[in-house]
Protein backbone atom coordinates (compact mmCIF):
# COMPACT_ATOMS: atom_id res chain seq x y z
CA MET A 1 82.31 126.41 102.79
CA LYS A 2 85.88 125.12 102.95
CA LYS A 3 86.69 121.89 101.10
CA ILE A 4 88.87 119.17 102.58
CA LEU A 5 90.41 116.42 100.49
CA ALA A 6 91.13 113.21 102.40
CA PHE A 7 92.62 109.93 101.29
CA ALA A 8 94.60 106.95 102.42
CA GLY A 9 97.85 106.07 100.70
CA SER A 10 96.55 102.56 100.08
CA ASN A 11 94.38 100.79 97.55
CA SER A 12 93.31 98.04 99.95
CA SER A 13 89.57 97.56 100.38
CA THR A 14 90.24 96.94 104.09
CA SER A 15 92.71 99.80 104.54
CA ILE A 16 93.27 100.79 108.16
CA ASN A 17 94.65 104.09 106.88
CA LYS A 18 91.37 104.79 105.11
CA ARG A 19 89.56 104.14 108.38
CA LEU A 20 91.90 106.55 110.19
CA VAL A 21 91.66 109.29 107.56
CA THR A 22 87.87 108.97 107.50
CA TYR A 23 87.75 109.39 111.27
CA ALA A 24 90.20 112.31 111.30
CA SER A 25 88.32 114.13 108.53
CA SER A 26 85.05 113.70 110.46
CA LEU A 27 86.61 115.74 113.28
CA VAL A 28 86.96 118.82 111.07
CA GLU A 29 83.70 120.68 111.53
CA ASP A 30 81.90 122.96 109.10
CA VAL A 31 83.73 121.75 106.00
CA GLN A 32 82.86 119.71 102.95
CA VAL A 33 84.93 116.50 102.97
CA ASN A 34 85.80 114.60 99.82
CA ILE A 35 87.31 111.19 100.60
CA LEU A 36 89.14 109.77 97.59
CA ASP A 37 89.76 106.10 96.87
CA LEU A 38 93.11 105.46 95.18
CA ASN A 39 91.48 102.65 93.19
CA ASP A 40 89.71 105.36 91.21
CA TYR A 41 93.13 106.66 90.07
CA GLU A 42 94.79 103.45 88.94
CA MET A 43 97.19 104.14 86.05
CA PRO A 44 100.00 102.42 84.20
CA ILE A 45 103.28 102.35 86.09
CA TYR A 46 105.05 105.66 85.53
CA SER A 47 108.01 105.75 83.17
CA SER A 48 109.57 108.63 81.27
CA ASP A 49 109.20 106.60 78.05
CA ARG A 50 105.47 106.16 78.64
CA GLU A 51 105.12 109.85 79.46
CA SER A 52 106.93 110.97 76.29
CA ILE A 53 104.81 108.64 74.12
CA SER A 54 101.38 109.06 75.74
CA GLY A 55 101.57 112.22 77.85
CA HIS A 56 99.85 112.41 81.23
CA PRO A 57 96.95 110.08 81.98
CA GLN A 58 93.64 111.87 82.53
CA LYS A 59 93.42 110.24 85.97
CA ALA A 60 96.67 111.95 87.01
CA ILE A 61 95.31 115.29 85.81
CA ASP A 62 92.06 114.64 87.68
CA PHE A 63 93.95 113.75 90.89
CA VAL A 64 95.91 117.00 90.73
CA GLU A 65 92.67 118.92 90.14
CA GLN A 66 91.19 117.38 93.30
CA ILE A 67 94.16 118.74 95.27
CA LYS A 68 94.03 122.10 93.53
CA ASN A 69 90.32 122.52 94.28
CA SER A 70 90.65 121.78 97.99
CA ASP A 71 91.41 124.12 100.87
CA GLY A 72 93.27 121.47 102.86
CA ILE A 73 94.46 117.88 102.63
CA ILE A 74 94.39 115.03 105.12
CA ILE A 75 96.45 111.99 104.17
CA SER A 76 97.06 108.77 106.07
CA LEU A 77 99.86 106.82 104.43
CA ALA A 78 100.14 103.07 104.44
CA GLU A 79 103.63 101.74 105.04
CA TYR A 80 104.76 98.86 102.84
CA ASN A 81 108.29 97.67 103.57
CA GLY A 82 109.15 101.01 105.18
CA ALA A 83 107.94 103.16 102.28
CA TYR A 84 104.86 104.32 100.37
CA SER A 85 102.50 101.72 98.96
CA GLY A 86 103.04 101.05 95.26
CA ALA A 87 99.57 102.40 94.47
CA PHE A 88 100.24 105.75 96.15
CA LYS A 89 103.79 106.04 94.81
CA ASN A 90 102.61 105.57 91.24
CA ILE A 91 99.86 108.18 91.59
CA PHE A 92 102.32 110.57 93.25
CA ASP A 93 104.86 109.99 90.45
CA TRP A 94 102.31 110.81 87.76
CA ALA A 95 100.80 113.74 89.70
CA SER A 96 104.23 115.31 90.23
CA ARG A 97 104.77 115.18 86.46
CA VAL A 98 101.46 116.96 85.85
CA GLU A 99 102.32 119.58 88.51
CA PRO A 100 105.74 119.56 90.24
CA LYS A 101 104.29 121.68 93.07
CA THR A 102 101.75 118.90 93.52
CA PHE A 103 100.26 120.09 96.82
CA PHE A 104 99.88 123.81 95.91
CA GLY A 105 100.87 125.00 99.40
CA LYS A 106 97.63 123.60 100.84
CA PRO A 107 97.62 122.96 104.60
CA MET A 108 98.15 119.26 105.18
CA LEU A 109 97.56 116.94 108.11
CA LEU A 110 99.92 114.06 107.45
CA MET A 111 99.22 110.77 109.21
CA ALA A 112 100.11 107.10 109.19
CA THR A 113 99.06 104.00 111.04
CA SER A 114 100.05 100.36 111.04
CA PRO A 115 99.31 97.20 113.00
CA GLY A 116 102.79 97.47 114.54
CA GLN A 117 104.18 99.57 117.36
CA ARG A 118 105.91 102.09 115.08
CA GLY A 119 102.64 103.26 113.53
CA GLY A 120 104.06 103.94 110.09
CA LEU A 121 106.84 106.23 111.34
CA SER A 122 109.17 105.33 108.45
CA VAL A 123 106.72 106.39 105.74
CA LEU A 124 105.70 109.42 107.82
CA GLY A 125 109.35 110.50 107.99
CA MET A 126 109.82 109.90 104.28
CA ALA A 127 106.75 111.97 103.38
CA SER A 128 107.67 114.72 105.86
CA ASP A 129 110.95 115.10 104.02
CA ARG A 130 109.64 114.68 100.46
CA PHE A 131 106.24 116.43 100.39
CA PRO A 132 107.48 119.98 101.16
CA ARG A 133 109.60 119.74 98.01
CA HIS A 134 106.28 119.44 96.21
CA ASP A 135 104.85 122.49 97.98
CA ALA A 136 103.12 120.68 100.86
CA ASN A 137 102.40 122.88 103.86
CA ILE A 138 102.49 120.24 106.59
CA VAL A 139 100.74 121.81 109.58
CA GLY A 140 100.23 118.64 111.59
CA LYS A 141 101.49 115.07 111.87
CA PHE A 142 100.05 112.05 113.62
CA SER A 143 101.06 108.43 113.96
CA LEU A 144 98.77 105.77 115.40
CA PRO A 145 100.69 102.67 116.47
CA SER A 146 99.11 99.26 117.05
CA PHE A 147 96.00 100.15 115.06
CA HIS A 148 93.94 97.12 116.08
CA ASN A 149 94.52 97.81 119.79
CA ASN A 150 93.79 101.54 119.55
CA PHE A 151 90.99 101.89 117.00
CA SER A 152 87.49 100.39 117.17
CA ASP A 153 83.99 101.24 115.98
CA GLY A 154 85.28 103.95 113.64
CA LYS A 155 87.31 105.91 116.19
CA ILE A 156 90.47 105.95 118.29
CA ILE A 157 89.70 104.32 121.63
CA ASN A 158 92.96 105.24 123.37
CA ASP A 159 92.14 108.58 125.02
CA GLU A 160 95.72 109.87 125.04
CA MET A 161 96.19 109.15 121.33
CA ASN A 162 92.77 110.53 120.48
CA ASN A 163 93.59 113.76 122.30
CA GLU A 164 96.86 113.97 120.37
CA LEU A 165 94.93 113.64 117.09
CA LEU A 166 92.39 116.25 118.23
CA GLU A 167 95.25 118.71 118.81
CA GLU A 168 96.62 118.07 115.32
CA VAL A 169 93.15 118.43 113.79
CA GLU A 170 92.72 121.75 115.62
CA GLN A 171 96.01 123.03 114.15
CA PHE A 172 94.85 121.89 110.73
CA LYS A 173 91.44 123.63 111.12
CA LYS A 174 93.16 126.90 112.03
CA SER A 175 95.30 126.65 108.89
CA ILE A 176 92.56 126.20 106.30
């Protein structure tokens, strides 16, 4: 059985991106889904000095292993001030030191959502540019604007947006 790794780029206990990634991963049938919580990978802030003194934290190695052992990745990134959340950025910084080709060419469905009308488009654009340099194989992208107006009871309630996500999920399924 194929294994999907899913996580939100947020460490918030009320993360709307975690709700979106959980929903999107539930749409991928006949796979084993592992939903990570970034709080389980909290590490010291990355610095080259810290790395040279202490090496790579075990949590960074474990995070990379989760990616390596999956057949596909679904990520929904939180947007903080137009960029990645600090929690995700720190994990990504450490993971990319453990393995520069962090995503191992795995098919990826890259998503973002926010309470605003742009739906995390800035962080989605940033990741779309950056992740392929770390061997991400982005096979689908999805942005959900105005989260609180378009998502309820664990699913997207706007039919047009839900259909758009279903198309992206279908592309992702074909790629794994």
